[in-house]
Structure formats: C-alpha cells, structure tokens
Amino acid sequence: MSAFDSQSQAIGVVLALTAACGFAAKAIFAKLAYQYGIDAITLVTLRLGLLVPVLLLIRWRRWRQEPALTRSQCLWLVVLGLLGYYLSSLLDFLGLETVSASLERMVLCLYPTLTVLLSALLYRQRLSRVTVMALVLTYSGMALVLLPDLGQSHADLGGLLLVLASTITYALYLTFSPRMIQQIGARRFTELALLVSAAAMGVHFLVTRNPAVISEQPWQVWSYAVAMALISTLFPVYALSAAMLRIGAGRTAIIGSLGPILTILFSMQLLDEWLSGWQWVGVVLVVGGVSLTSRKR
C-alpha cells in the first residue's frame, strides 16, 4: 500500500469517526434544548428549517449539471423524504421527550437489523447463519438494556414505542433507497430528500403551531438547533459519504456502530444518565450484533 493510500484510509477513518460523533450528539442536543420548554414539533422544524438555505445553495450550484428527474423519481423522492427525515425524525424527537438519550440511541441503532429483516421479507433474500446469530445477539443485548429500566418504571413505554416506530420508518427508508441512489447518486438523493422532509415539517408546524413560537425561543434553543442541523445532520452526512469512498461501506458501518457508546458517554457527562453493569453488557452485545449485521449487509 502506497503512502497516499495509507493517508487516504486514515482520513477515511477520521471522517467515519467524526460522522459517528455528530450523529451520536443529536439526542444530547435535543435533550438540552428540551430543558428550555420547547416541544418536539417546533424543535424538528428548527432543525430542518435551518438546513434549507444551505441545501438550496448547494443545489443551486449543481442543478444545471444534473439530468432532469423523471416523474417516477420525483414520486419516490417525496415518499422516501417523508419516511426518512420527516416521519422518522418527528417520531424520534417525540420519543426523546420522555426517553433518555442513551436508551433512544440504543433502540435507534437497531435500524441495520430491521433493514436486513425487511429486505429478506420484501425481496425474499435468505438470511445466512451468521446473520441470524447476529440478530439474536443484538436483540438479546437490547433486552438486557431495556428490561431493567422498564421493570423499575425508569423508561416511558410510550416514548420507547415512538422511538421504535422511528427506527422502523428509517429502516423502510433505507430498504427502498438503494435503487434511487443508484439512479441519481447518493448526495443528490440525500439533499433532495432533506428538502422534501423540511417542506413537510414546515407544513406540519404551520398546521399545528402558532408561527410566533419560533421567535419566542431563547438563544440557547437556537444554538442547539443550529448544532443539530450542522453538526448532527449536514456535516455527518457528507463525512459519511466521503468515508465510504475511502475505506468502504463495511468499515464505515463498523466505525458507525460505535455511535450508541458515544451517545451513552456524552449523556453520562452532560445529562447525568447512567447505565447499570448488566445494561453495559447489553450495549456490548447490541453493538457487536449490529456491527456484524452491517458487515454482512
């Protein structure tokens, strides 16, 4: 391996770690913002709304160089945009109102396993023995993480179900996205899907909230919303794509599986959320199972 290849791979690892840290911090920023009384719908609207000017600038620089979308592609973009960054984000943030950042991240990280199961069901793909073992490992670990808190009423069941619904919708988004990504490219697809989601969230906000609520938010909420938009959404998306080009999707997925542990460490330091010894065993099992599932995918 040449020095150039080694440097490129090192950069890829750094980018993958940076993306994992950015995604892991999303729940932390949300929980910190909730301390100022903002609700989930308004917070998601701020997060996606702040992305719009940046995305429009990016799209304006590229749109003349790209072929026009077909009617079918436009329809799929709308459907997937509604699934991925609108519905999934909204359900996730609603769940975060009552669920700890640590537990939210653990449930949310199940999406690779759900994507594998959905692909097997919809496309009749057979599951290998290793994949089945990885799934058993993952869900056994999740039971160790969740059952102690549920048994002691430390976790809100309704909130966990909302996060689980968010994970399922995101898994559906990932299951049906590859064909569109192959047709129009990963960056273009992600940017347009984010714009669709932002538009849908804007309509949702206008129907359910008084627009004056936006101007009433303190500067702390605005700072956390900016952090979620840039540090936990836009930059990780591009960092992840760049990492995959340098080190491949498999190694990027393995590094990304560190996300739950990073979220737990962040929440311990910033939110005073702690896990028991058995829950840490569950975390290790979940991360191992998800990592193995991602590699097999």
C-alpha atoms as a PDB file:
ATOM      1  CA  MET A   1       0.000   0.000   0.000  1.00  0.00           C
ATOM      2  CA  SER A   2       1.395   3.391  -1.006  1.00  0.00           C
ATOM      3  CA  ALA A   3       1.792   6.319   1.369  1.00  0.00           C
ATOM      4  CA  PHE A   4      -1.027   8.076  -0.499  1.00  0.00           C
ATOM      5  CA  ASP A   5      -3.387   5.106   0.018  1.00  0.00           C
ATOM      6  CA  SER A   6      -2.473   4.914   3.704  1.00  0.00           C
ATOM      7  CA  GLN A   7      -3.148   8.617   4.144  1.00  0.00           C
ATOM      8  CA  SER A   8      -6.461   8.328   2.288  1.00  0.00           C
ATOM      9  CA  GLN A   9      -7.570   5.441   4.520  1.00  0.00           C
ATOM     10  CA  ALA A  10      -6.523   7.327   7.660  1.00  0.00           C
ATOM     11  CA  ILE A  11      -8.593  10.300   6.515  1.00  0.00           C
ATOM     12  CA  GLY A  12     -11.499   7.925   5.864  1.00  0.00           C
ATOM     13  CA  VAL A  13     -11.313   6.547   9.409  1.00  0.00           C
ATOM     14  CA  VAL A  14     -11.248  10.088  10.848  1.00  0.00           C
ATOM     15  CA  LEU A  15     -14.245  11.082   8.718  1.00  0.00           C
ATOM     16  CA  ALA A  16     -16.189   7.985   9.805  1.00  0.00           C
ATOM     17  CA  LEU A  17     -15.424   8.695  13.473  1.00  0.00           C
ATOM     18  CA  THR A  18     -16.415  12.343  13.012  1.00  0.00           C
ATOM     19  CA  ALA A  19     -19.712  11.312  11.434  1.00  0.00           C
ATOM     20  CA  ALA A  20     -20.367   8.859  14.278  1.00  0.00           C
ATOM     21  CA  CYS A  21     -19.723  11.583  16.858  1.00  0.00           C
ATOM     22  CA  GLY A  22     -22.015  14.003  15.026  1.00  0.00           C
ATOM     23  CA  PHE A  23     -24.893  11.545  14.797  1.00  0.00           C
ATOM     24  CA  ALA A  24     -24.351  10.477  18.418  1.00  0.00           C
ATOM     25  CA  ALA A  25     -24.621  14.078  19.655  1.00  0.00           C
ATOM     26  CA  LYS A  26     -28.072  14.650  18.116  1.00  0.00           C
ATOM     27  CA  ALA A  27     -30.023  13.239  21.060  1.00  0.00           C
ATOM     28  CA  ILE A  28     -27.822  15.167  23.512  1.00  0.00           C
ATOM     29  CA  PHE A  29     -28.557  18.478  21.776  1.00  0.00           C
ATOM     30  CA  ALA A  30     -32.274  17.646  21.748  1.00  0.00           C
ATOM     31  CA  LYS A  31     -32.389  16.803  25.458  1.00  0.00           C
ATOM     32  CA  LEU A  32     -30.516  20.001  26.300  1.00  0.00           C
ATOM     33  CA  ALA A  33     -32.957  22.037  24.184  1.00  0.00           C
ATOM     34  CA  TYR A  34     -35.966  20.400  25.882  1.00  0.00           C
ATOM     35  CA  GLN A  35     -34.787  21.868  29.193  1.00  0.00           C
ATOM     36  CA  TYR A  36     -35.947  25.278  27.896  1.00  0.00           C
ATOM     37  CA  GLY A  37     -39.526  24.124  27.309  1.00  0.00           C
ATOM     38  CA  ILE A  38     -39.511  23.703  23.515  1.00  0.00           C
ATOM     39  CA  ASP A  39     -41.686  20.903  22.113  1.00  0.00           C
ATOM     40  CA  ALA A  40     -40.613  18.218  19.650  1.00  0.00           C
ATOM     41  CA  ILE A  41     -42.524  19.573  16.629  1.00  0.00           C
ATOM     42  CA  THR A  42     -41.015  23.050  16.957  1.00  0.00           C
ATOM     43  CA  LEU A  43     -37.520  21.637  17.524  1.00  0.00           C
ATOM     44  CA  VAL A  44     -37.640  19.367  14.459  1.00  0.00           C
ATOM     45  CA  THR A  45     -38.937  22.310  12.421  1.00  0.00           C
ATOM     46  CA  LEU A  46     -35.990  24.439  13.523  1.00  0.00           C
ATOM     47  CA  ARG A  47     -33.529  21.639  12.809  1.00  0.00           C
ATOM     48  CA  LEU A  48     -34.758  21.024   9.270  1.00  0.00           C
ATOM     49  CA  GLY A  49     -35.598  24.673   8.533  1.00  0.00           C
ATOM     50  CA  LEU A  50     -32.037  25.761   9.282  1.00  0.00           C
ATOM     51  CA  LEU A  51     -30.787  23.237   6.725  1.00  0.00           C
ATOM     52  CA  VAL A  52     -32.878  24.663   3.877  1.00  0.00           C
ATOM     53  CA  PRO A  53     -30.729  27.725   2.971  1.00  0.00           C
ATOM     54  CA  VAL A  54     -27.547  25.630   2.927  1.00  0.00           C
ATOM     55  CA  LEU A  55     -29.140  22.855   0.859  1.00  0.00           C
ATOM     56  CA  LEU A  56     -30.650  25.315  -1.626  1.00  0.00           C
ATOM     57  CA  LEU A  57     -27.235  26.919  -2.093  1.00  0.00           C
ATOM     58  CA  ILE A  58     -25.666  23.525  -2.723  1.00  0.00           C
ATOM     59  CA  ARG A  59     -28.428  22.504  -5.121  1.00  0.00           C
ATOM     60  CA  TRP A  60     -28.241  25.856  -6.986  1.00  0.00           C
ATOM     61  CA  ARG A  61     -24.579  25.233  -7.729  1.00  0.00           C
ATOM     62  CA  ARG A  62     -25.236  21.731  -9.057  1.00  0.00           C
ATOM     63  CA  TRP A  63     -28.679  21.588 -10.626  1.00  0.00           C
ATOM     64  CA  ARG A  64     -27.627  22.735 -14.135  1.00  0.00           C
ATOM     65  CA  GLN A  65     -25.055  19.947 -14.322  1.00  0.00           C
ATOM     66  CA  GLU A  66     -27.544  17.199 -13.466  1.00  0.00           C
ATOM     67  CA  PRO A  67     -30.133  15.453 -15.664  1.00  0.00           C
ATOM     68  CA  ALA A  68     -33.797  16.181 -15.024  1.00  0.00           C
ATOM     69  CA  LEU A  69     -35.679  13.791 -12.751  1.00  0.00           C
ATOM     70  CA  THR A  70     -38.426  11.585 -14.142  1.00  0.00           C
ATOM     71  CA  ARG A  71     -41.950  11.645 -12.713  1.00  0.00           C
ATOM     72  CA  SER A  72     -41.338   8.267 -11.061  1.00  0.00           C
ATOM     73  CA  GLN A  73     -38.124   9.511  -9.452  1.00  0.00           C
ATOM     74  CA  CYS A  74     -39.890  12.615  -8.123  1.00  0.00           C
ATOM     75  CA  LEU A  75     -42.622  10.446  -6.605  1.00  0.00           C
ATOM     76  CA  TRP A  76     -40.119   8.160  -4.905  1.00  0.00           C
ATOM     77  CA  LEU A  77     -38.192  11.160  -3.588  1.00  0.00           C
ATOM     78  CA  VAL A  78     -41.350  12.516  -1.968  1.00  0.00           C
ATOM     79  CA  VAL A  79     -42.253   9.154  -0.426  1.00  0.00           C
ATOM     80  CA  LEU A  80     -38.739   8.468   0.872  1.00  0.00           C
ATOM     81  CA  GLY A  81     -38.272  12.047   2.059  1.00  0.00           C
ATOM     82  CA  LEU A  82     -41.470  11.757   4.086  1.00  0.00           C
ATOM     83  CA  LEU A  83     -40.337   8.424   5.542  1.00  0.00           C
ATOM     84  CA  GLY A  84     -36.730   9.218   6.293  1.00  0.00           C
ATOM     85  CA  TYR A  85     -36.210  12.706   7.631  1.00  0.00           C
ATOM     86  CA  TYR A  86     -39.773  13.839   8.292  1.00  0.00           C
ATOM     87  CA  LEU A  87     -41.679  10.953   9.886  1.00  0.00           C
ATOM     88  CA  SER A  88     -38.668   9.180  11.346  1.00  0.00           C
ATOM     89  CA  SER A  89     -37.229  12.397  12.829  1.00  0.00           C
ATOM     90  CA  LEU A  90     -40.590  13.523  14.199  1.00  0.00           C
ATOM     91  CA  LEU A  91     -41.269  10.177  15.922  1.00  0.00           C
ATOM     92  CA  ASP A  92     -37.727  10.105  17.273  1.00  0.00           C
ATOM     93  CA  PHE A  93     -37.913  13.604  18.778  1.00  0.00           C
ATOM     94  CA  LEU A  94     -41.357  12.906  20.250  1.00  0.00           C
ATOM     95  CA  GLY A  95     -39.908   9.823  21.925  1.00  0.00           C
ATOM     96  CA  LEU A  96     -36.938  11.799  23.232  1.00  0.00           C
ATOM     97  CA  GLU A  97     -39.313  13.959  25.252  1.00  0.00           C
ATOM     98  CA  THR A  98     -39.730  11.071  27.712  1.00  0.00           C
ATOM     99  CA  VAL A  99     -36.892   8.620  26.935  1.00  0.00           C
ATOM    100  CA  SER A 100     -33.246   9.080  27.915  1.00  0.00           C
ATOM    101  CA  ALA A 101     -30.725   9.839  25.185  1.00  0.00           C
ATOM    102  CA  SER A 102     -28.903   6.569  25.929  1.00  0.00           C
ATOM    103  CA  LEU A 103     -31.944   4.337  25.516  1.00  0.00           C
ATOM    104  CA  GLU A 104     -33.124   6.291  22.467  1.00  0.00           C
ATOM    105  CA  ARG A 105     -29.809   5.741  20.713  1.00  0.00           C
ATOM    106  CA  MET A 106     -29.768   2.040  21.578  1.00  0.00           C
ATOM    107  CA  VAL A 107     -33.212   1.494  20.062  1.00  0.00           C
ATOM    108  CA  LEU A 108     -32.438   3.682  17.057  1.00  0.00           C
ATOM    109  CA  CYS A 109     -29.249   1.767  16.256  1.00  0.00           C
ATOM    110  CA  LEU A 110     -31.349  -1.325  15.504  1.00  0.00           C
ATOM    111  CA  TYR A 111     -32.164   0.006  12.028  1.00  0.00           C
ATOM    112  CA  PRO A 112     -29.497  -2.110  10.228  1.00  0.00           C
ATOM    113  CA  THR A 113     -31.033  -5.285  11.646  1.00  0.00           C
ATOM    114  CA  LEU A 114     -34.547  -4.139  10.718  1.00  0.00           C
ATOM    115  CA  THR A 115     -33.316  -3.266   7.223  1.00  0.00           C
ATOM    116  CA  VAL A 116     -31.918  -6.802   6.854  1.00  0.00           C
ATOM    117  CA  LEU A 117     -35.215  -8.304   8.015  1.00  0.00           C
ATOM    118  CA  LEU A 118     -37.270  -6.060   5.722  1.00  0.00           C
ATOM    119  CA  SER A 119     -35.015  -6.861   2.754  1.00  0.00           C
ATOM    120  CA  ALA A 120     -35.376 -10.573   3.469  1.00  0.00           C
ATOM    121  CA  LEU A 121     -39.153 -10.217   3.650  1.00  0.00           C
ATOM    122  CA  LEU A 122     -39.708  -7.904   0.674  1.00  0.00           C
ATOM    123  CA  TYR A 123     -37.015  -9.215  -1.681  1.00  0.00           C
ATOM    124  CA  ARG A 124     -37.063 -12.837  -0.470  1.00  0.00           C
ATOM    125  CA  GLN A 125     -33.408 -12.802   0.475  1.00  0.00           C
ATOM    126  CA  ARG A 126     -32.255 -15.724   2.598  1.00  0.00           C
ATOM    127  CA  LEU A 127     -30.628 -14.939   5.922  1.00  0.00           C
ATOM    128  CA  SER A 128     -27.269 -16.603   6.487  1.00  0.00           C
ATOM    129  CA  ARG A 129     -26.476 -18.433   9.709  1.00  0.00           C
ATOM    130  CA  VAL A 130     -24.083 -15.667  10.729  1.00  0.00           C
ATOM    131  CA  THR A 131     -26.761 -13.019  10.160  1.00  0.00           C
ATOM    132  CA  VAL A 132     -29.288 -14.953  12.255  1.00  0.00           C
ATOM    133  CA  MET A 133     -26.726 -15.264  15.052  1.00  0.00           C
ATOM    134  CA  ALA A 134     -26.017 -11.527  14.820  1.00  0.00           C
ATOM    135  CA  LEU A 135     -29.735 -10.751  15.080  1.00  0.00           C
ATOM    136  CA  VAL A 136     -30.143 -12.995  18.135  1.00  0.00           C
ATOM    137  CA  LEU A 137     -27.104 -11.335  19.722  1.00  0.00           C
ATOM    138  CA  THR A 138     -28.448  -7.862  19.015  1.00  0.00           C
ATOM    139  CA  TYR A 139     -31.940  -8.371  20.376  1.00  0.00           C
ATOM    140  CA  SER A 140     -30.705 -10.301  23.420  1.00  0.00           C
ATOM    141  CA  GLY A 141     -28.475  -7.348  24.239  1.00  0.00           C
ATOM    142  CA  MET A 142     -31.363  -4.939  23.723  1.00  0.00           C
ATOM    143  CA  ALA A 143     -33.425  -6.907  26.237  1.00  0.00           C
ATOM    144  CA  LEU A 144     -30.632  -6.518  28.793  1.00  0.00           C
ATOM    145  CA  VAL A 145     -30.539  -2.766  28.151  1.00  0.00           C
ATOM    146  CA  LEU A 146     -34.284  -2.093  28.278  1.00  0.00           C
ATOM    147  CA  LEU A 147     -35.774  -4.527  30.784  1.00  0.00           C
ATOM    148  CA  PRO A 148     -34.161  -3.109  33.957  1.00  0.00           C
ATOM    149  CA  ASP A 149     -35.455   0.408  33.270  1.00  0.00           C
ATOM    150  CA  LEU A 150     -38.898  -0.802  32.171  1.00  0.00           C
ATOM    151  CA  GLY A 151     -39.161  -3.045  35.240  1.00  0.00           C
ATOM    152  CA  GLN A 152     -38.374  -0.127  37.545  1.00  0.00           C
ATOM    153  CA  SER A 153     -40.540   2.351  35.564  1.00  0.00           C
ATOM    154  CA  HIS A 154     -37.465   4.441  34.690  1.00  0.00           C
ATOM    155  CA  ALA A 155     -38.299   4.347  30.993  1.00  0.00           C
ATOM    156  CA  ASP A 156     -41.541   5.510  29.405  1.00  0.00           C
ATOM    157  CA  LEU A 157     -43.050   2.707  27.323  1.00  0.00           C
ATOM    158  CA  GLY A 158     -44.911   5.141  25.075  1.00  0.00           C
ATOM    159  CA  GLY A 159     -41.693   7.026  24.368  1.00  0.00           C
ATOM    160  CA  LEU A 160     -39.826   3.813  23.586  1.00  0.00           C
ATOM    161  CA  LEU A 161     -42.580   2.758  21.177  1.00  0.00           C
ATOM    162  CA  LEU A 162     -42.279   6.120  19.400  1.00  0.00           C
ATOM    163  CA  VAL A 163     -38.512   5.644  19.031  1.00  0.00           C
ATOM    164  CA  LEU A 164     -39.104   2.086  17.802  1.00  0.00           C
ATOM    165  CA  ALA A 165     -41.596   3.405  15.235  1.00  0.00           C
ATOM    166  CA  SER A 166     -38.944   5.940  14.185  1.00  0.00           C
ATOM    167  CA  THR A 167     -36.443   3.105  13.743  1.00  0.00           C
ATOM    168  CA  ILE A 168     -38.898   1.108  11.627  1.00  0.00           C
ATOM    169  CA  THR A 169     -39.686   4.062   9.344  1.00  0.00           C
ATOM    170  CA  TYR A 170     -35.963   4.773   8.923  1.00  0.00           C
ATOM    171  CA  ALA A 171     -35.347   1.107   8.108  1.00  0.00           C
ATOM    172  CA  LEU A 172     -38.078   1.329   5.437  1.00  0.00           C
ATOM    173  CA  TYR A 173     -36.368   4.444   4.082  1.00  0.00           C
ATOM    174  CA  LEU A 174     -33.050   2.581   3.853  1.00  0.00           C
ATOM    175  CA  THR A 175     -34.657  -0.506   2.334  1.00  0.00           C
ATOM    176  CA  PHE A 176     -36.191   1.381  -0.597  1.00  0.00           C
ATOM    177  CA  SER A 177     -33.440   3.996  -1.060  1.00  0.00           C
ATOM    178  CA  PRO A 178     -30.700   1.995  -2.869  1.00  0.00           C
ATOM    179  CA  ARG A 179     -32.490   1.976  -6.217  1.00  0.00           C
ATOM    180  CA  MET A 180     -32.930   5.741  -6.148  1.00  0.00           C
ATOM    181  CA  ILE A 181     -29.330   6.249  -5.018  1.00  0.00           C
ATOM    182  CA  GLN A 182     -28.131   4.159  -7.964  1.00  0.00           C
ATOM    183  CA  GLN A 183     -30.202   6.255 -10.360  1.00  0.00           C
ATOM    184  CA  ILE A 184     -29.438   9.809  -9.187  1.00  0.00           C
ATOM    185  CA  GLY A 185     -26.447   9.497  -6.832  1.00  0.00           C
ATOM    186  CA  ALA A 186     -26.176   9.447  -3.048  1.00  0.00           C
ATOM    187  CA  ARG A 187     -25.512  13.154  -2.475  1.00  0.00           C
ATOM    188  CA  ARG A 188     -28.273  14.376  -4.764  1.00  0.00           C
ATOM    189  CA  PHE A 189     -30.732  11.911  -3.288  1.00  0.00           C
ATOM    190  CA  THR A 190     -29.915  12.876   0.315  1.00  0.00           C
ATOM    191  CA  GLU A 191     -30.072  16.606  -0.371  1.00  0.00           C
ATOM    192  CA  LEU A 192     -33.428  16.386  -2.167  1.00  0.00           C
ATOM    193  CA  ALA A 193     -34.869  14.033   0.462  1.00  0.00           C
ATOM    194  CA  LEU A 194     -33.877  16.503   3.189  1.00  0.00           C
ATOM    195  CA  LEU A 195     -35.590  19.337   1.307  1.00  0.00           C
ATOM    196  CA  VAL A 196     -38.776  17.276   0.950  1.00  0.00           C
ATOM    197  CA  SER A 197     -38.670  16.497   4.672  1.00  0.00           C
ATOM    198  CA  ALA A 198     -38.112  20.159   5.572  1.00  0.00           C
ATOM    199  CA  ALA A 199     -41.099  21.205   3.440  1.00  0.00           C
ATOM    200  CA  ALA A 200     -43.329  18.560   5.044  1.00  0.00           C
ATOM    201  CA  MET A 201     -42.210  19.542   8.533  1.00  0.00           C
ATOM    202  CA  GLY A 202     -42.875  23.198   7.720  1.00  0.00           C
ATOM    203  CA  VAL A 203     -46.451  22.398   6.704  1.00  0.00           C
ATOM    204  CA  HIS A 204     -46.905  20.249   9.815  1.00  0.00           C
ATOM    205  CA  PHE A 205     -45.671  23.097  12.007  1.00  0.00           C
ATOM    206  CA  LEU A 206     -47.915  25.716  10.406  1.00  0.00           C
ATOM    207  CA  VAL A 207     -50.974  23.476  10.823  1.00  0.00           C
ATOM    208  CA  THR A 208     -50.310  22.546  14.460  1.00  0.00           C
ATOM    209  CA  ARG A 209     -48.427  25.505  15.955  1.00  0.00           C
ATOM    210  CA  ASN A 210     -48.507  29.290  16.091  1.00  0.00           C
ATOM    211  CA  PRO A 211     -45.569  30.574  13.981  1.00  0.00           C
ATOM    212  CA  ALA A 212     -44.856  33.147  16.706  1.00  0.00           C
ATOM    213  CA  VAL A 213     -43.477  30.267  18.823  1.00  0.00           C
ATOM    214  CA  ILE A 214     -40.306  30.319  16.711  1.00  0.00           C
ATOM    215  CA  SER A 215     -39.400  33.906  17.621  1.00  0.00           C
ATOM    216  CA  GLU A 216     -40.106  33.232  21.301  1.00  0.00           C
ATOM    217  CA  GLN A 217     -37.363  30.640  21.647  1.00  0.00           C
ATOM    218  CA  PRO A 218     -34.289  31.663  23.705  1.00  0.00           C
ATOM    219  CA  TRP A 219     -30.861  31.837  22.119  1.00  0.00           C
ATOM    220  CA  GLN A 220     -29.866  28.573  23.811  1.00  0.00           C
ATOM    221  CA  VAL A 221     -32.541  26.674  21.879  1.00  0.00           C
ATOM    222  CA  TRP A 222     -31.427  28.309  18.641  1.00  0.00           C
ATOM    223  CA  SER A 223     -27.819  27.324  19.327  1.00  0.00           C
ATOM    224  CA  TYR A 224     -28.786  23.687  19.946  1.00  0.00           C
ATOM    225  CA  ALA A 225     -30.958  23.682  16.806  1.00  0.00           C
ATOM    226  CA  VAL A 226     -28.044  25.030  14.737  1.00  0.00           C
ATOM    227  CA  ALA A 227     -25.790  22.357  16.259  1.00  0.00           C
ATOM    228  CA  MET A 228     -28.292  19.622  15.340  1.00  0.00           C
ATOM    229  CA  ALA A 229     -28.682  20.958  11.805  1.00  0.00           C
ATOM    230  CA  LEU A 230     -24.973  21.299  11.064  1.00  0.00           C
ATOM    231  CA  ILE A 231     -23.018  19.095  13.490  1.00  0.00           C
ATOM    232  CA  SER A 232     -25.535  16.241  13.751  1.00  0.00           C
ATOM    233  CA  THR A 233     -27.145  16.267  10.298  1.00  0.00           C
ATOM    234  CA  LEU A 234     -25.466  18.037   7.384  1.00  0.00           C
ATOM    235  CA  PHE A 235     -21.786  17.521   8.135  1.00  0.00           C
ATOM    236  CA  PRO A 236     -22.089  13.835   9.200  1.00  0.00           C
ATOM    237  CA  VAL A 237     -23.995  13.016   6.001  1.00  0.00           C
ATOM    238  CA  TYR A 238     -21.176  14.330   3.801  1.00  0.00           C
ATOM    239  CA  ALA A 239     -18.461  12.945   6.100  1.00  0.00           C
ATOM    240  CA  LEU A 240     -20.090   9.515   5.904  1.00  0.00           C
ATOM    241  CA  SER A 241     -20.168   9.591   2.101  1.00  0.00           C
ATOM    242  CA  ALA A 242     -16.523  10.685   1.943  1.00  0.00           C
ATOM    243  CA  ALA A 243     -15.525   7.966   4.421  1.00  0.00           C
ATOM    244  CA  MET A 244     -17.225   5.243   2.376  1.00  0.00           C
ATOM    245  CA  LEU A 245     -15.325   6.341  -0.731  1.00  0.00           C
ATOM    246  CA  ARG A 246     -12.015   5.935   1.132  1.00  0.00           C
ATOM    247  CA  ILE A 247     -12.485   2.884   3.366  1.00  0.00           C
ATOM    248  CA  GLY A 248     -15.624   1.209   2.008  1.00  0.00           C
ATOM    249  CA  ALA A 249     -19.144   0.827   3.356  1.00  0.00           C
ATOM    250  CA  GLY A 250     -18.307  -2.158   5.586  1.00  0.00           C
ATOM    251  CA  ARG A 251     -15.556  -0.495   7.610  1.00  0.00           C
ATOM    252  CA  THR A 252     -17.555   2.733   7.762  1.00  0.00           C
ATOM    253  CA  ALA A 253     -20.538   0.823   9.174  1.00  0.00           C
ATOM    254  CA  ILE A 254     -18.348  -0.856  11.802  1.00  0.00           C
ATOM    255  CA  ILE A 255     -16.988   2.508  12.964  1.00  0.00           C
ATOM    256  CA  GLY A 256     -20.513   3.934  12.893  1.00  0.00           C
ATOM    257  CA  SER A 257     -21.674   1.187  15.248  1.00  0.00           C
ATOM    258  CA  LEU A 258     -19.707   2.990  17.972  1.00  0.00           C
ATOM    259  CA  GLY A 259     -22.446   5.659  17.898  1.00  0.00           C
ATOM    260  CA  PRO A 260     -24.522   4.223  20.768  1.00  0.00           C
ATOM    261  CA  ILE A 261     -21.479   4.050  23.049  1.00  0.00           C
ATOM    262  CA  LEU A 262     -20.565   7.642  22.165  1.00  0.00           C
ATOM    263  CA  THR A 263     -24.113   8.788  22.942  1.00  0.00           C
ATOM    264  CA  ILE A 264     -24.041   6.987  26.288  1.00  0.00           C
ATOM    265  CA  LEU A 265     -20.691   8.583  27.189  1.00  0.00           C
ATOM    266  CA  PHE A 266     -21.981  12.021  26.164  1.00  0.00           C
ATOM    267  CA  SER A 267     -25.182  11.538  28.173  1.00  0.00           C
ATOM    268  CA  MET A 268     -23.239  10.412  31.247  1.00  0.00           C
ATOM    269  CA  GLN A 269     -21.153  13.575  31.210  1.00  0.00           C
ATOM    270  CA  LEU A 270     -23.767  16.123  30.109  1.00  0.00           C
ATOM    271  CA  LEU A 271     -27.136  14.691  31.203  1.00  0.00           C
ATOM    272  CA  ASP A 272     -26.174  12.555  34.214  1.00  0.00           C
ATOM    273  CA  GLU A 273     -27.695   9.433  32.626  1.00  0.00           C
ATOM    274  CA  TRP A 274     -26.061   6.203  33.830  1.00  0.00           C
ATOM    275  CA  LEU A 275     -26.374   2.525  32.939  1.00  0.00           C
ATOM    276  CA  SER A 276     -26.018  -0.494  35.222  1.00  0.00           C
ATOM    277  CA  GLY A 277     -23.400  -3.213  34.721  1.00  0.00           C
ATOM    278  CA  TRP A 278     -25.854  -5.582  33.038  1.00  0.00           C
ATOM    279  CA  GLN A 279     -27.002  -2.806  30.732  1.00  0.00           C
ATOM    280  CA  TRP A 280     -23.402  -2.239  29.660  1.00  0.00           C
ATOM    281  CA  VAL A 281     -23.182  -5.955  28.832  1.00  0.00           C
ATOM    282  CA  GLY A 282     -26.287  -5.466  26.705  1.00  0.00           C
ATOM    283  CA  VAL A 283     -24.709  -2.457  24.991  1.00  0.00           C
ATOM    284  CA  VAL A 284     -21.679  -4.552  24.016  1.00  0.00           C
ATOM    285  CA  LEU A 285     -23.927  -7.308  22.645  1.00  0.00           C
ATOM    286  CA  VAL A 286     -26.026  -4.839  20.649  1.00  0.00           C
ATOM    287  CA  VAL A 287     -23.011  -3.042  19.177  1.00  0.00           C
ATOM    288  CA  GLY A 288     -21.400  -6.379  18.284  1.00  0.00           C
ATOM    289  CA  GLY A 289     -24.564  -7.695  16.662  1.00  0.00           C
ATOM    290  CA  VAL A 290     -25.265  -4.508  14.723  1.00  0.00           C
ATOM    291  CA  SER A 291     -21.641  -4.328  13.556  1.00  0.00           C
ATOM    292  CA  LEU A 292     -21.769  -7.930  12.344  1.00  0.00           C
ATOM    293  CA  THR A 293     -25.122  -7.363  10.636  1.00  0.00           C
ATOM    294  CA  SER A 294     -23.801  -4.233   8.894  1.00  0.00           C
ATOM    295  CA  ARG A 295     -20.745  -6.136   7.626  1.00  0.00           C
ATOM    296  CA  LYS A 296     -22.902  -8.945   6.249  1.00  0.00           C
ATOM    297  CA  ARG A 297     -25.129  -6.395   4.501  1.00  0.00           C
END
